[in-house]
Amino acid sequence: MSENVVADSLDQPKYAKGYTVKTLENGVRLVDVADPQTDKDRMPVSYHFALVPKDMEAKVPDGYTEVKVPIERTIVMTMLQLSNFTAIDAHDVIKGITGTKNLFDKDILQRVKKGDIVKIGMEGNFDPELILAANPQVIFISPFKRGGYDAIKETGITLIPHLGYKELDPLGQAEWVKYIAMFIGKEKEAEQFFEGVEKRYLELKQKVADIKERPSVFSGEMHGGNWYAVGGKNYLAQIFRDAGAEYVLNDDNTGGVPIEYEKMYATAANADYWRILNSFPGDFTYDALKASEPRNALFKAFKDKHVIYCNMKQTPYYEVSPVKPDVVLADLVAIFHPELMPADYQPTFYQLLK
């Protein structure tokens, strides 16, 4: 089969580790999807799809699931997946979503209201009848987040894993927009969109590269007796470094790790900045942060009024940030190194807590 592969497929990702593409001479794309973190205990090593143009009959290699493209009807399960469709103006392909809690996009909300998009219920509690009513050709899923896909499997609809949430490079996560585009026939739009994001991100990263003074930063809050801090190899830790800061955890953990307060304090007591992302009802303040845990006032970043904050109830963070890491990066650079940004820079997500 190798002799039929077109060399250097334009669809091959530059940063994403979770999927690869081989384009055959007849135009069929072989897409292999694997966990970018090689977490073999939690998911199969790989999924294999053959994307066959609708008007073509093609023999699909063994082990590959045929998907006729472009698809016109699908269901998405997460905000991250939704962000990919929004980036390339493809809401008309979406016929179902899990819900609209904390959803800002007016176009999606309008489509739900009109009945063009159905709400299928949350993970672990899907409504198979609503799924069938949406009549999707494929369903994009995030395997092994909370599960609950048994009800969907019984429908016989092809499930397509989207592993953008497991990428550790901010540009790698954003590049999944090109993955979605292959299924819906919007490759040019995705390429153009991603090129812009990549250019802006790398230019800003380069601007910061030679900075000698790099402030330290930590992240998270106490919840239920533990502090969930992202690991040192996490996507967020990488954005901090690209923005010219040092993240206080240098471990090899990629996800969130529960840490006891005392250990977190020992690690971050003298850090320059503290990043918080939450859904606080109303205005989040230093008083509210202290009220939630009185010991929070002991951190240097608290005393210096250096809390970096984003409220998910007020900004479409998870709807937009996965495909626009350049915007997140700009916000952080404006905080860590304001001299590198325009004096009238207006933040999109993150700003210093007043």
Protein backbone atom coordinates (compact mmCIF):
# COMPACT_ATOMS: atom_id res chain seq x y z
CA MET A 1 0.00 0.00 0.00
CA SER A 2 2.92 2.35 0.70
CA GLU A 3 3.59 2.98 -2.99
CA ASN A 4 0.12 4.51 -3.31
CA VAL A 5 0.73 7.12 -0.63
CA VAL A 6 1.24 10.67 -1.82
CA ALA A 7 4.42 11.96 -0.19
CA ASP A 8 4.30 14.77 2.38
CA SER A 9 0.56 15.07 2.79
CA LEU A 10 -0.47 18.70 3.26
CA ASP A 11 -2.86 17.47 5.93
CA GLN A 12 -0.06 16.12 8.14
CA PRO A 13 -0.06 18.05 11.44
CA LYS A 14 3.03 20.05 12.46
CA TYR A 15 2.35 20.21 16.21
CA ALA A 16 -0.47 17.81 17.07
CA LYS A 17 0.73 14.39 18.23
CA GLY A 18 -2.67 12.69 18.41
CA TYR A 19 -3.34 12.09 14.72
CA THR A 20 -1.46 11.41 11.50
CA VAL A 21 -2.66 11.47 7.90
CA LYS A 22 -1.64 9.50 4.82
CA THR A 23 -3.24 10.54 1.54
CA LEU A 24 -3.52 7.86 -1.12
CA GLU A 25 -3.22 8.60 -4.84
CA ASN A 26 -6.97 8.16 -5.27
CA GLY A 27 -7.64 10.92 -2.73
CA VAL A 28 -8.60 8.64 0.16
CA ARG A 29 -7.11 9.82 3.44
CA LEU A 30 -6.01 7.29 6.03
CA VAL A 31 -6.28 8.95 9.43
CA ASP A 32 -4.70 7.28 12.46
CA VAL A 33 -5.69 8.59 15.89
CA ALA A 34 -3.69 7.76 19.02
CA ASP A 35 -3.35 9.17 22.50
CA PRO A 36 -0.78 11.98 22.33
CA GLN A 37 0.23 11.10 25.88
CA THR A 38 0.51 7.35 25.11
CA ASP A 39 -1.71 6.51 28.05
CA LYS A 40 -2.05 2.86 27.09
CA ASP A 41 -3.92 1.86 30.23
CA ARG A 42 -6.89 4.04 29.42
CA MET A 43 -7.48 3.76 25.70
CA PRO A 44 -6.61 1.65 22.68
CA VAL A 45 -3.30 2.49 21.05
CA SER A 46 -4.96 3.74 17.91
CA TYR A 47 -8.12 4.29 15.89
CA HIS A 48 -8.04 4.10 12.10
CA PHE A 49 -10.35 5.85 9.64
CA ALA A 50 -10.40 5.91 5.85
CA LEU A 51 -11.97 9.14 4.64
CA VAL A 52 -13.47 8.31 1.26
CA PRO A 53 -14.94 11.04 -0.98
CA LYS A 54 -18.72 10.58 -1.28
CA ASP A 55 -18.77 10.00 -5.02
CA MET A 56 -16.06 7.33 -4.90
CA GLU A 57 -16.05 3.60 -4.33
CA ALA A 58 -12.76 2.55 -2.80
CA LYS A 59 -11.37 -0.55 -1.15
CA VAL A 60 -10.57 0.37 2.42
CA PRO A 61 -7.42 -1.18 3.95
CA ASP A 62 -7.91 -3.79 6.67
CA GLY A 63 -8.37 -2.31 10.11
CA TYR A 64 -9.76 1.00 8.83
CA THR A 65 -13.33 2.24 9.33
CA GLU A 66 -14.74 3.87 6.20
CA VAL A 67 -16.20 7.37 6.58
CA LYS A 68 -17.80 8.99 3.55
CA VAL A 69 -16.79 12.66 3.40
CA PRO A 70 -17.67 15.42 3.61
CA ILE A 71 -20.13 14.65 6.37
CA GLU A 72 -23.10 16.99 6.71
CA ARG A 73 -24.54 16.04 10.11
CA THR A 74 -22.72 15.38 13.37
CA ILE A 75 -22.92 15.66 17.15
CA VAL A 76 -20.19 17.24 19.26
CA MET A 77 -19.57 16.42 22.91
CA THR A 78 -17.30 19.16 24.24
CA MET A 79 -16.61 22.89 24.07
CA LEU A 80 -13.20 22.10 22.61
CA GLN A 81 -14.78 20.23 19.69
CA LEU A 82 -17.32 23.02 19.24
CA SER A 83 -14.49 25.56 19.04
CA ASN A 84 -13.12 23.77 15.97
CA PHE A 85 -16.43 24.10 14.10
CA THR A 86 -16.83 27.73 15.15
CA ALA A 87 -13.32 28.62 13.94
CA ILE A 88 -14.14 27.52 10.38
CA ASP A 89 -17.75 28.71 10.29
CA ALA A 90 -19.26 25.22 10.25
CA HIS A 91 -22.13 25.37 12.75
CA ASP A 92 -24.53 24.11 10.10
CA VAL A 93 -22.93 20.64 10.34
CA ILE A 94 -23.66 20.39 14.07
CA LYS A 95 -27.01 18.75 14.80
CA GLY A 96 -26.52 17.88 18.46
CA ILE A 97 -24.59 19.04 21.54
CA THR A 98 -24.54 17.85 25.15
CA GLY A 99 -25.96 21.05 26.66
CA THR A 100 -25.85 24.85 26.73
CA LYS A 101 -24.63 25.54 30.27
CA ASN A 102 -22.01 28.32 30.23
CA LEU A 103 -22.38 28.54 26.43
CA PHE A 104 -21.98 32.02 24.97
CA ASP A 105 -22.12 31.53 21.20
CA LYS A 106 -25.27 33.31 20.04
CA ASP A 107 -25.49 31.40 16.78
CA ILE A 108 -25.41 28.00 18.51
CA LEU A 109 -27.95 29.15 21.13
CA GLN A 110 -30.24 30.38 18.34
CA ARG A 111 -29.94 27.05 16.50
CA VAL A 112 -30.82 25.18 19.70
CA LYS A 113 -33.82 27.45 20.23
CA LYS A 114 -35.04 26.84 16.68
CA GLY A 115 -34.57 23.08 17.06
CA ASP A 116 -31.82 22.81 14.43
CA ILE A 117 -29.50 21.52 17.17
CA VAL A 118 -30.74 19.11 19.86
CA LYS A 119 -29.41 18.73 23.40
CA ILE A 120 -28.63 15.04 23.91
CA GLY A 121 -27.88 15.12 27.65
CA MET A 122 -24.59 15.04 29.51
CA GLU A 123 -21.85 12.40 29.42
CA GLY A 124 -22.96 9.29 31.26
CA ASN A 125 -26.62 10.17 30.75
CA PHE A 126 -27.18 10.48 27.00
CA ASP A 127 -30.63 10.16 25.45
CA PRO A 128 -30.36 7.63 22.58
CA GLU A 129 -33.69 8.75 21.09
CA LEU A 130 -32.52 12.35 20.80
CA ILE A 131 -29.25 11.15 19.29
CA LEU A 132 -31.12 9.20 16.63
CA ALA A 133 -33.46 12.16 16.03
CA ALA A 134 -30.42 14.32 15.24
CA ASN A 135 -29.59 11.73 12.56
CA PRO A 136 -25.80 12.20 12.69
CA GLN A 137 -23.51 10.45 10.22
CA VAL A 138 -20.73 10.41 12.83
CA ILE A 139 -20.36 11.54 16.45
CA PHE A 140 -17.20 13.17 17.77
CA ILE A 141 -16.31 11.91 21.24
CA SER A 142 -13.62 12.50 23.87
CA PRO A 143 -12.80 8.95 24.93
CA PHE A 144 -12.38 8.18 28.59
CA LYS A 145 -13.25 11.56 30.02
CA ARG A 146 -16.34 10.39 31.87
CA GLY A 147 -17.56 7.73 29.52
CA GLY A 148 -21.19 6.82 29.09
CA TYR A 149 -20.79 5.97 25.41
CA ASP A 150 -22.41 2.53 25.64
CA ALA A 151 -25.82 4.02 24.80
CA ILE A 152 -24.33 5.68 21.73
CA LYS A 153 -22.47 2.58 20.55
CA GLU A 154 -25.77 0.72 20.39
CA THR A 155 -27.05 3.19 17.77
CA GLY A 156 -24.41 1.89 15.34
CA ILE A 157 -23.27 5.43 14.49
CA THR A 158 -19.53 5.76 13.86
CA LEU A 159 -17.78 7.35 16.83
CA ILE A 160 -14.80 9.57 15.96
CA PRO A 161 -12.37 10.29 18.82
CA HIS A 162 -11.18 13.87 19.23
CA LEU A 163 -8.09 13.93 21.42
CA GLY A 164 -7.23 17.62 21.21
CA TYR A 165 -7.79 17.88 24.97
CA LYS A 166 -4.78 15.61 25.54
CA GLU A 167 -2.29 17.63 23.49
CA LEU A 168 0.50 19.22 25.53
CA ASP A 169 1.47 21.88 23.00
CA PRO A 170 -0.94 24.85 22.70
CA LEU A 171 -0.47 24.90 18.91
CA GLY A 172 -0.94 21.13 18.87
CA GLN A 173 -4.35 21.49 20.49
CA ALA A 174 -5.34 24.26 18.09
CA GLU A 175 -4.26 22.18 15.11
CA TRP A 176 -7.14 19.75 15.64
CA VAL A 177 -9.22 22.26 13.69
CA LYS A 178 -7.55 20.71 10.62
CA TYR A 179 -8.60 17.24 11.77
CA ILE A 180 -12.26 18.31 11.94
CA ALA A 181 -11.92 20.05 8.58
CA MET A 182 -10.98 16.81 6.81
CA PHE A 183 -14.31 15.28 7.86
CA ILE A 184 -16.46 18.23 6.80
CA GLY A 185 -14.67 19.43 3.66
CA LYS A 186 -13.33 22.72 5.01
CA GLU A 187 -9.61 22.06 4.68
CA LYS A 188 -8.73 25.40 3.09
CA GLU A 189 -10.57 27.38 5.76
CA ALA A 190 -8.87 25.41 8.53
CA GLU A 191 -5.44 25.80 6.99
CA GLN A 192 -5.90 29.54 6.63
CA PHE A 193 -7.26 29.88 10.16
CA PHE A 194 -4.47 27.84 11.74
CA GLU A 195 -1.73 29.61 9.80
CA GLY A 196 -2.86 32.91 11.32
CA VAL A 197 -2.94 31.49 14.85
CA GLU A 198 0.49 29.88 14.40
CA LYS A 199 2.05 33.07 12.99
CA ARG A 200 0.76 35.26 15.82
CA TYR A 201 1.69 32.74 18.50
CA LEU A 202 5.25 32.20 17.27
CA GLU A 203 5.87 35.92 16.75
CA LEU A 204 4.79 36.68 20.30
CA LYS A 205 6.76 33.75 21.71
CA GLN A 206 9.86 35.00 19.89
CA LYS A 207 9.35 38.51 21.26
CA VAL A 208 9.51 37.12 24.78
CA ALA A 209 12.30 34.59 24.18
CA ASP A 210 15.20 36.83 25.18
CA ILE A 211 13.61 38.22 28.33
CA LYS A 212 15.98 37.75 31.28
CA GLU A 213 13.54 38.55 34.10
CA ARG A 214 11.03 35.71 34.16
CA PRO A 215 8.44 35.91 36.96
CA SER A 216 7.21 32.73 38.64
CA VAL A 217 3.57 31.68 38.50
CA PHE A 218 1.33 29.02 40.03
CA SER A 219 -2.24 27.97 39.28
CA GLY A 220 -5.43 26.61 40.83
CA GLU A 221 -7.37 26.84 44.09
CA MET A 222 -8.40 24.71 47.04
CA HIS A 223 -11.48 22.56 46.37
CA GLY A 224 -12.78 19.89 48.72
CA GLY A 225 -9.62 19.70 50.78
CA ASN A 226 -7.20 19.47 47.86
CA TRP A 227 -5.48 21.84 45.49
CA TYR A 228 -5.67 20.66 41.89
CA ALA A 229 -2.62 22.04 40.10
CA VAL A 230 -1.73 21.23 36.51
CA GLY A 231 1.52 19.32 36.08
CA GLY A 232 4.77 20.72 34.74
CA LYS A 233 4.28 19.13 31.33
CA ASN A 234 0.75 20.42 30.92
CA TYR A 235 -0.55 22.60 28.07
CA LEU A 236 -1.05 25.50 30.50
CA ALA A 237 2.49 25.21 31.89
CA GLN A 238 3.77 25.47 28.32
CA ILE A 239 1.79 28.67 27.69
CA PHE A 240 3.23 30.18 30.88
CA ARG A 241 6.75 29.40 29.67
CA ASP A 242 6.02 30.74 26.18
CA ALA A 243 4.70 33.94 27.83
CA GLY A 244 8.02 34.47 29.59
CA ALA A 245 7.24 33.08 33.04
CA GLU A 246 8.42 30.10 35.08
CA TYR A 247 5.77 27.65 36.26
CA VAL A 248 6.43 26.55 39.84
CA LEU A 249 5.93 22.83 39.16
CA ASN A 250 8.67 21.19 37.12
CA ASP A 251 7.39 17.62 37.38
CA ASP A 252 6.47 15.32 34.50
CA ASN A 253 2.74 15.28 35.25
CA THR A 254 0.50 16.26 32.36
CA GLY A 255 -2.94 16.50 33.96
CA GLY A 256 -4.25 17.92 37.20
CA VAL A 257 -2.65 16.57 40.36
CA PRO A 258 -4.22 16.89 43.82
CA ILE A 259 -1.80 18.58 46.23
CA GLU A 260 -2.27 19.24 49.94
CA TYR A 261 -2.45 22.93 50.84
CA GLU A 262 0.76 22.82 52.90
CA LYS A 263 2.73 21.35 50.00
CA MET A 264 1.29 23.90 47.55
CA TYR A 265 2.14 26.71 49.93
CA ALA A 266 5.70 25.45 50.35
CA THR A 267 6.04 25.40 46.55
CA ALA A 268 4.32 28.66 45.65
CA ALA A 269 4.42 30.92 48.74
CA ASN A 270 6.84 33.35 47.08
CA ALA A 271 5.67 33.01 43.48
CA ASP A 272 5.13 36.32 41.69
CA TYR A 273 1.75 35.51 40.10
CA TRP A 274 -1.25 33.28 40.78
CA ARG A 275 -3.55 32.22 37.95
CA ILE A 276 -7.20 31.36 38.71
CA LEU A 277 -9.92 30.20 36.32
CA ASN A 278 -13.34 29.59 37.85
CA SER A 279 -17.09 30.19 37.54
CA PHE A 280 -17.61 32.46 40.53
CA PRO A 281 -21.14 33.91 40.69
CA GLY A 282 -20.86 37.69 40.63
CA ASP A 283 -17.62 39.63 40.99
CA PHE A 284 -14.62 37.63 42.17
CA THR A 285 -12.45 39.73 44.51
CA TYR A 286 -9.48 39.34 46.84
CA ASP A 287 -11.97 39.28 49.70
CA ALA A 288 -13.82 36.37 48.04
CA LEU A 289 -10.53 34.53 47.51
CA LYS A 290 -9.64 34.99 51.18
CA ALA A 291 -13.14 33.99 52.32
CA SER A 292 -12.92 30.70 50.39
CA GLU A 293 -9.69 29.81 52.25
CA PRO A 294 -8.22 32.30 54.78
CA ARG A 295 -4.68 30.98 54.23
CA ASN A 296 -4.85 32.22 50.61
CA ALA A 297 -3.91 35.67 51.97
CA LEU A 298 -0.48 34.30 52.94
CA PHE A 299 0.73 33.95 49.34
CA LYS A 300 3.04 36.69 48.06
CA ALA A 301 0.98 36.92 44.85
CA PHE A 302 -2.12 37.65 46.96
CA LYS A 303 -0.33 40.34 48.96
CA ASP A 304 1.11 41.93 45.81
CA LYS A 305 -2.32 41.87 44.09
CA HIS A 306 -0.88 39.69 41.36
CA VAL A 307 -3.78 37.27 40.87
CA ILE A 308 -4.42 36.56 37.17
CA TYR A 309 -8.11 35.84 36.74
CA CYS A 310 -10.63 34.59 34.21
CA ASN A 311 -14.31 34.01 35.02
CA MET A 312 -15.89 31.36 32.82
CA LYS A 313 -19.34 32.78 33.57
CA GLN A 314 -18.32 36.04 31.91
CA THR A 315 -16.04 34.93 29.07
CA PRO A 316 -16.33 32.10 26.51
CA TYR A 317 -12.98 30.67 27.62
CA TYR A 318 -13.54 27.03 26.70
CA GLU A 319 -15.43 27.93 23.53
CA VAL A 320 -12.60 30.01 22.10
CA SER A 321 -9.25 29.42 23.82
CA PRO A 322 -8.59 25.91 22.42
CA VAL A 323 -8.33 27.30 18.88
CA LYS A 324 -6.87 30.69 19.85
CA PRO A 325 -3.86 30.01 22.07
CA ASP A 326 -2.31 33.13 20.53
CA VAL A 327 -4.96 35.22 22.32
CA VAL A 328 -4.33 33.47 25.65
CA LEU A 329 -0.60 33.99 25.15
CA ALA A 330 -1.11 37.71 24.42
CA ASP A 331 -3.13 38.14 27.62
CA LEU A 332 -0.40 36.52 29.69
CA VAL A 333 2.45 38.43 28.03
CA ALA A 334 0.54 41.66 28.72
CA ILE A 335 0.55 40.73 32.42
CA PHE A 336 4.06 39.28 32.78
CA HIS A 337 5.82 41.71 30.42
CA PRO A 338 3.50 44.67 29.75
CA GLU A 339 6.34 46.63 28.12
CA LEU A 340 6.21 44.21 25.17
CA MET A 341 2.55 44.88 24.42
CA PRO A 342 0.72 47.99 23.16
CA ALA A 343 -0.19 50.42 25.95
CA ASP A 344 -3.88 50.17 25.01
CA TYR A 345 -3.95 46.34 24.90
CA GLN A 346 -7.39 45.00 25.84
CA PRO A 347 -7.35 41.48 27.37
CA THR A 348 -9.77 38.84 26.11
CA PHE A 349 -9.65 36.26 28.92
CA TYR A 350 -7.08 37.00 31.61
CA GLN A 351 -6.45 40.17 33.53
CA LEU A 352 -5.12 41.10 36.95
CA LEU A 353 -7.79 40.84 39.61
CA LYS A 354 -8.84 44.28 40.81
